[in-house]
Amino acid sequence: MASRKDMRRADLVIPYVEPKDEKAGEFGSTLTSTLPMAAMFTRNKMLGWVALVIALLNWISESPSQKNTSATPGYLSFGMSLLAVGVTYMPLFMPPPPNTQMASGTGAAPPVPGAS
């Protein structure tokens, strides 16, 4: 086994170059602030989970320059999306009162008294 040659060539080595900072985080910031609100307003569980995953990914991939320039830190966006998931599952633990249909105005209209 010691007779194997090292096939790597020094002239083919490509040095690592750190990528430049880009302003690609603005769309992610927009999604992490609007998706949790949309999930809470619509009570859509799937939208809440998507908001949670996107917020987690944006928080993990936050660069130091984004931390300094962003208005909302990544952990706050993640907390907001976690709250949105909690709100979407709230009816499972706190069911609405039984008279909500009549109170909301979506039920049948009350009977009209007859004219005498």
PDB file of N, CA and C in Angstrom:
ATOM      1  N   MET A   1       0.804  -1.172   0.000  1.00  0.00           N
ATOM      2  CA  MET A   1       0.000   0.000   0.000  1.00  0.00           C
ATOM      3  C   MET A   1       0.864   1.259   0.000  1.00  0.00           C
ATOM      4  N   ALA A   2       2.090   1.147   0.421  1.00  0.00           N
ATOM      5  CA  ALA A   2       2.964   2.318   0.456  1.00  0.00           C
ATOM      6  C   ALA A   2       3.469   2.687  -0.924  1.00  0.00           C
ATOM      7  N   SER A   3       3.218   1.846  -1.913  1.00  0.00           N
ATOM      8  CA  SER A   3       3.725   2.125  -3.255  1.00  0.00           C
ATOM      9  C   SER A   3       2.794   3.036  -4.075  1.00  0.00           C
ATOM     10  N   ARG A   4       1.637   3.420  -3.518  1.00  0.00           N
ATOM     11  CA  ARG A   4       0.719   4.293  -4.247  1.00  0.00           C
ATOM     12  C   ARG A   4       1.299   5.690  -4.351  1.00  0.00           C
ATOM     13  N   LYS A   5       1.076   6.300  -5.509  1.00  0.00           N
ATOM     14  CA  LYS A   5       1.566   7.658  -5.717  1.00  0.00           C
ATOM     15  C   LYS A   5       0.502   8.659  -5.295  1.00  0.00           C
ATOM     16  N   ASP A   6       0.977   9.822  -4.917  1.00  0.00           N
ATOM     17  CA  ASP A   6       0.080  10.916  -4.616  1.00  0.00           C
ATOM     18  C   ASP A   6      -0.271  11.600  -5.928  1.00  0.00           C
ATOM     19  N   MET A   7      -1.538  11.471  -6.347  1.00  0.00           N
ATOM     20  CA  MET A   7      -1.953  11.965  -7.645  1.00  0.00           C
ATOM     21  C   MET A   7      -2.331  13.448  -7.631  1.00  0.00           C
ATOM     22  N   ARG A   8      -2.280  14.086  -6.476  1.00  0.00           N
ATOM     23  CA  ARG A   8      -2.626  15.507  -6.415  1.00  0.00           C
ATOM     24  C   ARG A   8      -1.502  16.348  -6.993  1.00  0.00           C
ATOM     25  N   ARG A   9      -1.892  17.383  -7.746  1.00  0.00           N
ATOM     26  CA  ARG A   9      -0.899  18.272  -8.341  1.00  0.00           C
ATOM     27  C   ARG A   9      -1.034  19.653  -7.727  1.00  0.00           C
ATOM     28  N   ALA A  10       0.092  20.225  -7.368  1.00  0.00           N
ATOM     29  CA  ALA A  10       0.086  21.532  -6.716  1.00  0.00           C
ATOM     30  C   ALA A  10      -0.338  22.642  -7.659  1.00  0.00           C
ATOM     31  N   ASP A  11      -0.136  22.478  -8.956  1.00  0.00           N
ATOM     32  CA  ASP A  11      -0.505  23.541  -9.892  1.00  0.00           C
ATOM     33  C   ASP A  11      -2.007  23.583 -10.172  1.00  0.00           C
ATOM     34  N   LEU A  12      -2.770  22.559  -9.739  1.00  0.00           N
ATOM     35  CA  LEU A  12      -4.214  22.540  -9.935  1.00  0.00           C
ATOM     36  C   LEU A  12      -4.997  23.003  -8.707  1.00  0.00           C
ATOM     37  N   VAL A  13      -4.319  23.390  -7.659  1.00  0.00           N
ATOM     38  CA  VAL A  13      -4.983  23.827  -6.439  1.00  0.00           C
ATOM     39  C   VAL A  13      -5.588  25.207  -6.654  1.00  0.00           C
ATOM     40  N   ILE A  14      -6.868  25.349  -6.305  1.00  0.00           N
ATOM     41  CA  ILE A  14      -7.558  26.636  -6.425  1.00  0.00           C
ATOM     42  C   ILE A  14      -7.720  27.199  -5.012  1.00  0.00           C
ATOM     43  N   PRO A  15      -7.199  28.376  -4.743  1.00  0.00           N
ATOM     44  CA  PRO A  15      -7.316  28.936  -3.395  1.00  0.00           C
ATOM     45  C   PRO A  15      -8.746  29.391  -3.107  1.00  0.00           C
ATOM     46  N   TYR A  16      -9.123  29.355  -1.838  1.00  0.00           N
ATOM     47  CA  TYR A  16     -10.452  29.776  -1.414  1.00  0.00           C
ATOM     48  C   TYR A  16     -10.535  31.297  -1.397  1.00  0.00           C
ATOM     49  N   VAL A  17     -11.601  31.838  -1.977  1.00  0.00           N
ATOM     50  CA  VAL A  17     -11.850  33.274  -1.966  1.00  0.00           C
ATOM     51  C   VAL A  17     -13.206  33.492  -1.313  1.00  0.00           C
ATOM     52  N   GLU A  18     -13.249  34.286  -0.249  1.00  0.00           N
ATOM     53  CA  GLU A  18     -14.497  34.529   0.468  1.00  0.00           C
ATOM     54  C   GLU A  18     -15.443  35.339  -0.415  1.00  0.00           C
ATOM     55  N   PRO A  19     -16.735  34.926  -0.489  1.00  0.00           N
ATOM     56  CA  PRO A  19     -17.668  35.655  -1.346  1.00  0.00           C
ATOM     57  C   PRO A  19     -17.971  37.047  -0.797  1.00  0.00           C
ATOM     58  N   LYS A  20     -18.313  37.952  -1.706  1.00  0.00           N
ATOM     59  CA  LYS A  20     -18.643  39.316  -1.315  1.00  0.00           C
ATOM     60  C   LYS A  20     -20.027  39.348  -0.679  1.00  0.00           C
ATOM     61  N   ASP A  21     -20.242  40.318   0.204  1.00  0.00           N
ATOM     62  CA  ASP A  21     -21.552  40.486   0.820  1.00  0.00           C
ATOM     63  C   ASP A  21     -22.531  41.013  -0.217  1.00  0.00           C
ATOM     64  N   GLU A  22     -23.700  40.410  -0.239  1.00  0.00           N
ATOM     65  CA  GLU A  22     -24.734  40.822  -1.174  1.00  0.00           C
ATOM     66  C   GLU A  22     -25.960  41.262  -0.392  1.00  0.00           C
ATOM     67  N   LYS A  23     -26.803  42.025  -1.015  1.00  0.00           N
ATOM     68  CA  LYS A  23     -28.028  42.488  -0.392  1.00  0.00           C
ATOM     69  C   LYS A  23     -29.185  41.543  -0.734  1.00  0.00           C
ATOM     70  N   ALA A  24     -28.961  40.257  -0.697  1.00  0.00           N
ATOM     71  CA  ALA A  24     -30.004  39.292  -1.043  1.00  0.00           C
ATOM     72  C   ALA A  24     -30.904  38.988   0.145  1.00  0.00           C
ATOM     73  N   GLY A  25     -30.597  39.480   1.321  1.00  0.00           N
ATOM     74  CA  GLY A  25     -31.377  39.179   2.511  1.00  0.00           C
ATOM     75  C   GLY A  25     -32.637  39.989   2.663  1.00  0.00           C
ATOM     76  N   GLU A  26     -32.864  40.972   1.780  1.00  0.00           N
ATOM     77  CA  GLU A  26     -34.035  41.822   1.922  1.00  0.00           C
ATOM     78  C   GLU A  26     -35.330  41.053   1.658  1.00  0.00           C
ATOM     79  N   PHE A  27     -35.332  40.172   0.669  1.00  0.00           N
ATOM     80  CA  PHE A  27     -36.535  39.396   0.385  1.00  0.00           C
ATOM     81  C   PHE A  27     -36.822  38.428   1.527  1.00  0.00           C
ATOM     82  N   GLY A  28     -35.784  37.836   2.082  1.00  0.00           N
ATOM     83  CA  GLY A  28     -35.975  36.952   3.228  1.00  0.00           C
ATOM     84  C   GLY A  28     -36.506  37.695   4.434  1.00  0.00           C
ATOM     85  N   SER A  29     -36.049  38.913   4.628  1.00  0.00           N
ATOM     86  CA  SER A  29     -36.534  39.729   5.731  1.00  0.00           C
ATOM     87  C   SER A  29     -38.009  40.063   5.552  1.00  0.00           C
ATOM     88  N   THR A  30     -38.401  40.316   4.316  1.00  0.00           N
ATOM     89  CA  THR A  30     -39.803  40.608   4.040  1.00  0.00           C
ATOM     90  C   THR A  30     -40.671  39.389   4.325  1.00  0.00           C
ATOM     91  N   LEU A  31     -40.213  38.226   3.917  1.00  0.00           N
ATOM     92  CA  LEU A  31     -40.982  37.003   4.168  1.00  0.00           C
ATOM     93  C   LEU A  31     -41.087  36.695   5.658  1.00  0.00           C
ATOM     94  N   THR A  32     -39.999  36.890   6.395  1.00  0.00           N
ATOM     95  CA  THR A  32     -40.028  36.541   7.817  1.00  0.00           C
ATOM     96  C   THR A  32     -40.883  37.498   8.630  1.00  0.00           C
ATOM     97  N   SER A  33     -41.189  38.675   8.088  1.00  0.00           N
ATOM     98  CA  SER A  33     -42.057  39.578   8.840  1.00  0.00           C
ATOM     99  C   SER A  33     -43.519  39.493   8.408  1.00  0.00           C
ATOM    100  N   THR A  34     -43.795  39.104   7.165  1.00  0.00           N
ATOM    101  CA  THR A  34     -45.182  39.067   6.698  1.00  0.00           C
ATOM    102  C   THR A  34     -45.838  37.691   6.820  1.00  0.00           C
ATOM    103  N   LEU A  35     -45.094  36.615   6.659  1.00  0.00           N
ATOM    104  CA  LEU A  35     -45.705  35.286   6.735  1.00  0.00           C
ATOM    105  C   LEU A  35     -46.295  34.958   8.109  1.00  0.00           C
ATOM    106  N   PRO A  36     -45.633  35.288   9.222  1.00  0.00           N
ATOM    107  CA  PRO A  36     -46.280  35.000  10.509  1.00  0.00           C
ATOM    108  C   PRO A  36     -47.594  35.768  10.694  1.00  0.00           C
ATOM    109  N   MET A  37     -47.632  37.015  10.226  1.00  0.00           N
ATOM    110  CA  MET A  37     -48.878  37.780  10.351  1.00  0.00           C
ATOM    111  C   MET A  37     -49.976  37.175   9.495  1.00  0.00           C
ATOM    112  N   ALA A  38     -49.639  36.750   8.282  1.00  0.00           N
ATOM    113  CA  ALA A  38     -50.627  36.120   7.405  1.00  0.00           C
ATOM    114  C   ALA A  38     -51.130  34.814   8.014  1.00  0.00           C
ATOM    115  N   ALA A  39     -50.251  34.063   8.660  1.00  0.00           N
ATOM    116  CA  ALA A  39     -50.660  32.811   9.298  1.00  0.00           C
ATOM    117  C   ALA A  39     -51.596  33.077  10.471  1.00  0.00           C
ATOM    118  N   MET A  40     -51.329  34.140  11.231  1.00  0.00           N
ATOM    119  CA  MET A  40     -52.199  34.452  12.368  1.00  0.00           C
ATOM    120  C   MET A  40     -53.564  34.952  11.900  1.00  0.00           C
ATOM    121  N   PHE A  41     -53.602  35.774  10.851  1.00  0.00           N
ATOM    122  CA  PHE A  41     -54.881  36.303  10.380  1.00  0.00           C
ATOM    123  C   PHE A  41     -55.743  35.218   9.755  1.00  0.00           C
ATOM    124  N   THR A  42     -55.133  34.323   9.005  1.00  0.00           N
ATOM    125  CA  THR A  42     -55.907  33.289   8.314  1.00  0.00           C
ATOM    126  C   THR A  42     -56.050  32.009   9.128  1.00  0.00           C
ATOM    127  N   ARG A  43     -55.302  31.888  10.210  1.00  0.00           N
ATOM    128  CA  ARG A  43     -55.272  30.674  11.044  1.00  0.00           C
ATOM    129  C   ARG A  43     -54.894  29.445  10.207  1.00  0.00           C
ATOM    130  N   ASN A  44     -54.004  29.656   9.251  1.00  0.00           N
ATOM    131  CA  ASN A  44     -53.553  28.597   8.366  1.00  0.00           C
ATOM    132  C   ASN A  44     -52.308  27.952   8.982  1.00  0.00           C
ATOM    133  N   LYS A  45     -52.424  26.689   9.362  1.00  0.00           N
ATOM    134  CA  LYS A  45     -51.322  25.990  10.036  1.00  0.00           C
ATOM    135  C   LYS A  45     -50.119  25.797   9.117  1.00  0.00           C
ATOM    136  N   MET A  46     -50.378  25.478   7.864  1.00  0.00           N
ATOM    137  CA  MET A  46     -49.284  25.239   6.929  1.00  0.00           C
ATOM    138  C   MET A  46     -48.487  26.521   6.699  1.00  0.00           C
ATOM    139  N   LEU A  47     -49.165  27.642   6.598  1.00  0.00           N
ATOM    140  CA  LEU A  47     -48.502  28.924   6.428  1.00  0.00           C
ATOM    141  C   LEU A  47     -47.657  29.262   7.662  1.00  0.00           C
ATOM    142  N   GLY A  48     -48.141  28.886   8.825  1.00  0.00           N
ATOM    143  CA  GLY A  48     -47.382  29.098  10.062  1.00  0.00           C
ATOM    144  C   GLY A  48     -46.098  28.282  10.093  1.00  0.00           C
ATOM    145  N   TRP A  49     -46.177  27.033   9.666  1.00  0.00           N
ATOM    146  CA  TRP A  49     -44.984  26.189   9.658  1.00  0.00           C
ATOM    147  C   TRP A  49     -43.971  26.660   8.615  1.00  0.00           C
ATOM    148  N   VAL A  50     -44.466  27.105   7.461  1.00  0.00           N
ATOM    149  CA  VAL A  50     -43.567  27.645   6.430  1.00  0.00           C
ATOM    150  C   VAL A  50     -42.869  28.892   6.957  1.00  0.00           C
ATOM    151  N   ALA A  51     -43.615  29.742   7.652  1.00  0.00           N
ATOM    152  CA  ALA A  51     -43.025  30.955   8.239  1.00  0.00           C
ATOM    153  C   ALA A  51     -41.960  30.595   9.269  1.00  0.00           C
ATOM    154  N   LEU A  52     -42.202  29.548  10.055  1.00  0.00           N
ATOM    155  CA  LEU A  52     -41.234  29.129  11.068  1.00  0.00           C
ATOM    156  C   LEU A  52     -39.943  28.622  10.424  1.00  0.00           C
ATOM    157  N   VAL A  53     -40.070  27.819   9.385  1.00  0.00           N
ATOM    158  CA  VAL A  53     -38.885  27.272   8.722  1.00  0.00           C
ATOM    159  C   VAL A  53     -38.080  28.379   8.038  1.00  0.00           C
ATOM    160  N   ILE A  54     -38.766  29.291   7.361  1.00  0.00           N
ATOM    161  CA  ILE A  54     -38.064  30.387   6.684  1.00  0.00           C
ATOM    162  C   ILE A  54     -37.379  31.296   7.691  1.00  0.00           C
ATOM    163  N   ALA A  55     -38.038  31.580   8.806  1.00  0.00           N
ATOM    164  CA  ALA A  55     -37.421  32.429   9.831  1.00  0.00           C
ATOM    165  C   ALA A  55     -36.207  31.746  10.448  1.00  0.00           C
ATOM    166  N   LEU A  56     -36.294  30.434  10.663  1.00  0.00           N
ATOM    167  CA  LEU A  56     -35.153  29.702  11.211  1.00  0.00           C
ATOM    168  C   LEU A  56     -33.975  29.731  10.237  1.00  0.00           C
ATOM    169  N   LEU A  57     -34.252  29.506   8.964  1.00  0.00           N
ATOM    170  CA  LEU A  57     -33.176  29.514   7.964  1.00  0.00           C
ATOM    171  C   LEU A  57     -32.550  30.899   7.832  1.00  0.00           C
ATOM    172  N   ASN A  58     -33.361  31.948   7.885  1.00  0.00           N
ATOM    173  CA  ASN A  58     -32.807  33.301   7.810  1.00  0.00           C
ATOM    174  C   ASN A  58     -31.998  33.651   9.048  1.00  0.00           C
ATOM    175  N   TRP A  59     -32.427  33.160  10.205  1.00  0.00           N
ATOM    176  CA  TRP A  59     -31.695  33.422  11.450  1.00  0.00           C
ATOM    177  C   TRP A  59     -30.341  32.718  11.427  1.00  0.00           C
ATOM    178  N   ILE A  60     -30.327  31.471  10.943  1.00  0.00           N
ATOM    179  CA  ILE A  60     -29.086  30.709  10.901  1.00  0.00           C
ATOM    180  C   ILE A  60     -28.103  31.301   9.895  1.00  0.00           C
ATOM    181  N   SER A  61     -28.613  31.773   8.760  1.00  0.00           N
ATOM    182  CA  SER A  61     -27.720  32.258   7.704  1.00  0.00           C
ATOM    183  C   SER A  61     -27.437  33.757   7.794  1.00  0.00           C
ATOM    184  N   GLU A  62     -27.734  34.364   8.921  1.00  0.00           N
ATOM    185  CA  GLU A  62     -27.507  35.798   9.083  1.00  0.00           C
ATOM    186  C   GLU A  62     -26.009  36.096   9.154  1.00  0.00           C
ATOM    187  N   SER A  63     -25.565  37.033   8.328  1.00  0.00           N
ATOM    188  CA  SER A  63     -24.154  37.420   8.332  1.00  0.00           C
ATOM    189  C   SER A  63     -23.937  38.548   9.342  1.00  0.00           C
ATOM    190  N   PRO A  64     -22.691  38.789   9.739  1.00  0.00           N
ATOM    191  CA  PRO A  64     -22.441  39.878  10.696  1.00  0.00           C
ATOM    192  C   PRO A  64     -22.877  41.248  10.178  1.00  0.00           C
ATOM    193  N   SER A  65     -22.740  41.482   8.876  1.00  0.00           N
ATOM    194  CA  SER A  65     -23.178  42.775   8.342  1.00  0.00           C
ATOM    195  C   SER A  65     -24.701  42.896   8.374  1.00  0.00           C
ATOM    196  N   GLN A  66     -25.411  41.786   8.165  1.00  0.00           N
ATOM    197  CA  GLN A  66     -26.866  41.813   8.253  1.00  0.00           C
ATOM    198  C   GLN A  66     -27.320  42.028   9.692  1.00  0.00           C
ATOM    199  N   LYS A  67     -26.568  41.474  10.643  1.00  0.00           N
ATOM    200  CA  LYS A  67     -26.914  41.686  12.049  1.00  0.00           C
ATOM    201  C   LYS A  67     -26.809  43.152  12.430  1.00  0.00           C
ATOM    202  N   ASN A  68     -25.816  43.842  11.867  1.00  0.00           N
ATOM    203  CA  ASN A  68     -25.615  45.246  12.202  1.00  0.00           C
ATOM    204  C   ASN A  68     -26.602  46.168  11.507  1.00  0.00           C
ATOM    205  N   THR A  69     -27.031  45.817  10.296  1.00  0.00           N
ATOM    206  CA  THR A  69     -27.875  46.726   9.523  1.00  0.00           C
ATOM    207  C   THR A  69     -29.358  46.396   9.557  1.00  0.00           C
ATOM    208  N   SER A  70     -29.746  45.220   9.998  1.00  0.00           N
ATOM    209  CA  SER A  70     -31.166  44.857   9.952  1.00  0.00           C
ATOM    210  C   SER A  70     -31.937  45.523  11.085  1.00  0.00           C
ATOM    211  N   ALA A  71     -33.198  45.830  10.796  1.00  0.00           N
ATOM    212  CA  ALA A  71     -34.045  46.461  11.803  1.00  0.00           C
ATOM    213  C   ALA A  71     -34.565  45.434  12.804  1.00  0.00           C
ATOM    214  N   THR A  72     -34.805  44.230  12.338  1.00  0.00           N
ATOM    215  CA  THR A  72     -35.325  43.167  13.200  1.00  0.00           C
ATOM    216  C   THR A  72     -34.302  42.046  13.290  1.00  0.00           C
ATOM    217  N   PRO A  73     -33.853  41.693  14.496  1.00  0.00           N
ATOM    218  CA  PRO A  73     -32.902  40.589  14.603  1.00  0.00           C
ATOM    219  C   PRO A  73     -33.549  39.246  14.238  1.00  0.00           C
ATOM    220  N   GLY A  74     -32.724  38.288  13.886  1.00  0.00           N
ATOM    221  CA  GLY A  74     -33.220  36.990  13.447  1.00  0.00           C
ATOM    222  C   GLY A  74     -33.982  36.234  14.513  1.00  0.00           C
ATOM    223  N   TYR A  75     -33.540  36.346  15.765  1.00  0.00           N
ATOM    224  CA  TYR A  75     -34.232  35.610  16.829  1.00  0.00           C
ATOM    225  C   TYR A  75     -35.623  36.190  17.082  1.00  0.00           C
ATOM    226  N   LEU A  76     -35.819  37.480  16.839  1.00  0.00           N
ATOM    227  CA  LEU A  76     -37.138  38.079  17.019  1.00  0.00           C
ATOM    228  C   LEU A  76     -38.097  37.616  15.919  1.00  0.00           C
ATOM    229  N   SER A  77     -37.614  37.508  14.706  1.00  0.00           N
ATOM    230  CA  SER A  77     -38.445  36.992  13.610  1.00  0.00           C
ATOM    231  C   SER A  77     -38.805  35.532  13.857  1.00  0.00           C
ATOM    232  N   PHE A  78     -37.854  34.765  14.384  1.00  0.00           N
ATOM    233  CA  PHE A  78     -38.138  33.366  14.704  1.00  0.00           C
ATOM    234  C   PHE A  78     -39.173  33.277  15.822  1.00  0.00           C
ATOM    235  N   GLY A  79     -39.057  34.135  16.819  1.00  0.00           N
ATOM    236  CA  GLY A  79     -40.037  34.147  17.911  1.00  0.00           C
ATOM    237  C   GLY A  79     -41.426  34.521  17.423  1.00  0.00           C
ATOM    238  N   MET A  80     -41.492  35.469  16.503  1.00  0.00           N
ATOM    239  CA  MET A  80     -42.784  35.871  15.942  1.00  0.00           C
ATOM    240  C   MET A  80     -43.414  34.730  15.162  1.00  0.00           C
ATOM    241  N   SER A  81     -42.630  33.999  14.401  1.00  0.00           N
ATOM    242  CA  SER A  81     -43.189  32.881  13.645  1.00  0.00           C
ATOM    243  C   SER A  81     -43.567  31.718  14.568  1.00  0.00           C
ATOM    244  N   LEU A  82     -42.834  31.548  15.656  1.00  0.00           N
ATOM    245  CA  LEU A  82     -43.208  30.536  16.644  1.00  0.00           C
ATOM    246  C   LEU A  82     -44.542  30.899  17.297  1.00  0.00           C
ATOM    247  N   LEU A  83     -44.724  32.174  17.565  1.00  0.00           N
ATOM    248  CA  LEU A  83     -46.001  32.657  18.098  1.00  0.00           C
ATOM    249  C   LEU A  83     -47.118  32.437  17.090  1.00  0.00           C
ATOM    250  N   ALA A  84     -46.832  32.619  15.810  1.00  0.00           N
ATOM    251  CA  ALA A  84     -47.844  32.403  14.768  1.00  0.00           C
ATOM    252  C   ALA A  84     -48.279  30.941  14.731  1.00  0.00           C
ATOM    253  N   VAL A  85     -47.333  30.016  14.876  1.00  0.00           N
ATOM    254  CA  VAL A  85     -47.697  28.594  14.908  1.00  0.00           C
ATOM    255  C   VAL A  85     -48.554  28.310  16.138  1.00  0.00           C
ATOM    256  N   GLY A  86     -48.213  28.935  17.254  1.00  0.00           N
ATOM    257  CA  GLY A  86     -49.021  28.769  18.462  1.00  0.00           C
ATOM    258  C   GLY A  86     -50.434  29.297  18.294  1.00  0.00           C
ATOM    259  N   VAL A  87     -50.580  30.423  17.629  1.00  0.00           N
ATOM    260  CA  VAL A  87     -51.908  31.001  17.416  1.00  0.00           C
ATOM    261  C   VAL A  87     -52.742  30.118  16.490  1.00  0.00           C
ATOM    262  N   THR A  88     -52.123  29.519  15.500  1.00  0.00           N
ATOM    263  CA  THR A  88     -52.892  28.673  14.582  1.00  0.00           C
ATOM    264  C   THR A  88     -53.402  27.409  15.270  1.00  0.00           C
ATOM    265  N   TYR A  89     -52.689  26.934  16.292  1.00  0.00           N
ATOM    266  CA  TYR A  89     -53.128  25.743  17.021  1.00  0.00           C
ATOM    267  C   TYR A  89     -53.923  26.080  18.273  1.00  0.00           C
ATOM    268  N   MET A  90     -54.187  27.352  18.532  1.00  0.00           N
ATOM    269  CA  MET A  90     -54.902  27.755  19.741  1.00  0.00           C
ATOM    270  C   MET A  90     -56.314  27.173  19.840  1.00  0.00           C
ATOM    271  N   PRO A  91     -57.097  27.081  18.754  1.00  0.00           N
ATOM    272  CA  PRO A  91     -58.443  26.509  18.903  1.00  0.00           C
ATOM    273  C   PRO A  91     -58.458  25.059  19.389  1.00  0.00           C
ATOM    274  N   LEU A  92     -57.357  24.337  19.258  1.00  0.00           N
ATOM    275  CA  LEU A  92     -57.314  22.964  19.785  1.00  0.00           C
ATOM    276  C   LEU A  92     -57.311  22.950  21.307  1.00  0.00           C
ATOM    277  N   PHE A  93     -56.680  23.947  21.908  1.00  0.00           N
ATOM    278  CA  PHE A  93     -56.551  23.975  23.354  1.00  0.00           C
ATOM    279  C   PHE A  93     -57.568  24.894  24.029  1.00  0.00           C
ATOM    280  N   MET A  94     -58.013  25.910  23.319  1.00  0.00           N
ATOM    281  CA  MET A  94     -59.018  26.840  23.834  1.00  0.00           C
ATOM    282  C   MET A  94     -60.136  26.951  22.807  1.00  0.00           C
ATOM    283  N   PRO A  95     -61.088  26.026  22.809  1.00  0.00           N
ATOM    284  CA  PRO A  95     -62.134  26.070  21.788  1.00  0.00           C
ATOM    285  C   PRO A  95     -62.990  27.326  21.952  1.00  0.00           C
ATOM    286  N   PRO A  96     -63.496  27.852  20.835  1.00  0.00           N
ATOM    287  CA  PRO A  96     -64.334  29.055  20.927  1.00  0.00           C
ATOM    288  C   PRO A  96     -65.658  28.735  21.622  1.00  0.00           C
ATOM    289  N   PRO A  97     -66.303  29.738  22.221  1.00  0.00           N
ATOM    290  CA  PRO A  97     -67.597  29.481  22.868  1.00  0.00           C
ATOM    291  C   PRO A  97     -68.644  29.037  21.848  1.00  0.00           C
ATOM    292  N   PRO A  98     -69.661  28.307  22.284  1.00  0.00           N
ATOM    293  CA  PRO A  98     -70.624  27.743  21.331  1.00  0.00           C
ATOM    294  C   PRO A  98     -71.490  28.790  20.631  1.00  0.00           C
ATOM    295  N   ASN A  99     -71.658  29.989  21.158  1.00  0.00           N
ATOM    296  CA  ASN A  99     -72.531  30.989  20.550  1.00  0.00           C
ATOM    297  C   ASN A  99     -71.800  31.922  19.597  1.00  0.00           C
ATOM    298  N   THR A 100     -70.643  31.557  19.110  1.00  0.00           N
ATOM    299  CA  THR A 100     -69.891  32.440  18.222  1.00  0.00           C
ATOM    300  C   THR A 100     -70.575  32.621  16.881  1.00  0.00           C
ATOM    301  N   GLN A 101     -71.332  31.648  16.412  1.00  0.00           N
ATOM    302  CA  GLN A 101     -71.974  31.779  15.109  1.00  0.00           C
ATOM    303  C   GLN A 101     -73.003  32.897  15.137  1.00  0.00           C
ATOM    304  N   MET A 102     -73.798  32.998  16.170  1.00  0.00           N
ATOM    305  CA  MET A 102     -74.816  34.047  16.257  1.00  0.00           C
ATOM    306  C   MET A 102     -74.186  35.403  16.550  1.00  0.00           C
ATOM    307  N   ALA A 103     -73.136  35.421  17.336  1.00  0.00           N
ATOM    308  CA  ALA A 103     -72.507  36.687  17.702  1.00  0.00           C
ATOM    309  C   ALA A 103     -71.743  37.295  16.536  1.00  0.00           C
ATOM    310  N   SER A 104     -71.273  36.483  15.625  1.00  0.00           N
ATOM    311  CA  SER A 104     -70.480  37.013  14.517  1.00  0.00           C
ATOM    312  C   SER A 104     -71.332  37.515  13.369  1.00  0.00           C
ATOM    313  N   GLY A 105     -72.625  37.221  13.377  1.00  0.00           N
ATOM    314  CA  GLY A 105     -73.499  37.694  12.308  1.00  0.00           C
ATOM    315  C   GLY A 105     -73.493  36.801  11.086  1.00  0.00           C
ATOM    316  N   THR A 106     -72.932  35.599  11.192  1.00  0.00           N
ATOM    317  CA  THR A 106     -72.899  34.703  10.044  1.00  0.00           C
ATOM    318  C   THR A 106     -74.009  33.667  10.094  1.00  0.00           C
ATOM    319  N   GLY A 107     -74.773  33.645  11.172  1.00  0.00           N
ATOM    320  CA  GLY A 107     -75.849  32.672  11.290  1.00  0.00           C
ATOM    321  C   GLY A 107     -77.095  33.115  10.550  1.00  0.00           C
ATOM    322  N   ALA A 108     -78.173  32.368  10.730  1.00  0.00           N
ATOM    323  CA  ALA A 108     -79.426  32.700  10.097  1.00  0.00           C
ATOM    324  C   ALA A 108     -80.016  33.946  10.763  1.00  0.00           C
ATOM    325  N   ALA A 109     -80.770  34.711   9.995  1.00  0.00           N
ATOM    326  CA  ALA A 109     -81.392  35.916  10.511  1.00  0.00           C
ATOM    327  C   ALA A 109     -82.533  35.537  11.454  1.00  0.00           C
ATOM    328  N   PRO A 110     -82.778  36.370  12.485  1.00  0.00           N
ATOM    329  CA  PRO A 110     -83.890  36.056  13.379  1.00  0.00           C
ATOM    330  C   PRO A 110     -85.229  36.198  12.635  1.00  0.00           C
ATOM    331  N   PRO A 111     -86.233  35.483  13.079  1.00  0.00           N
ATOM    332  CA  PRO A 111     -87.522  35.557  12.393  1.00  0.00           C
ATOM    333  C   PRO A 111     -88.139  36.951  12.523  1.00  0.00           C
ATOM    334  N   VAL A 112     -88.787  37.392  11.464  1.00  0.00           N
ATOM    335  CA  VAL A 112     -89.449  38.696  11.464  1.00  0.00           C
ATOM    336  C   VAL A 112     -90.864  38.521  12.025  1.00  0.00           C
ATOM    337  N   PRO A 113     -91.216  39.343  13.026  1.00  0.00           N
ATOM    338  CA  PRO A 113     -92.579  39.199  13.563  1.00  0.00           C
ATOM    339  C   PRO A 113     -93.623  39.585  12.517  1.00  0.00           C
ATOM    340  N   GLY A 114     -94.735  38.907  12.529  1.00  0.00           N
ATOM    341  CA  GLY A 114     -95.808  39.170  11.535  1.00  0.00           C
ATOM    342  C   GLY A 114     -96.509  40.496  11.817  1.00  0.00           C
ATOM    343  N   ALA A 115     -96.950  41.158  10.797  1.00  0.00           N
ATOM    344  CA  ALA A 115     -97.660  42.438  10.937  1.00  0.00           C
ATOM    345  C   ALA A 115     -99.109  42.155  11.237  1.00  0.00           C
ATOM    346  N   SER A 116     -99.726  42.845  12.237  1.00  0.00           N
ATOM    347  CA  SER A 116    -101.124  42.596  12.598  1.00  0.00           C
ATOM    348  C   SER A 116    -102.014  43.714  12.172  1.00  0.00           C
TER     349      SER A 116
END
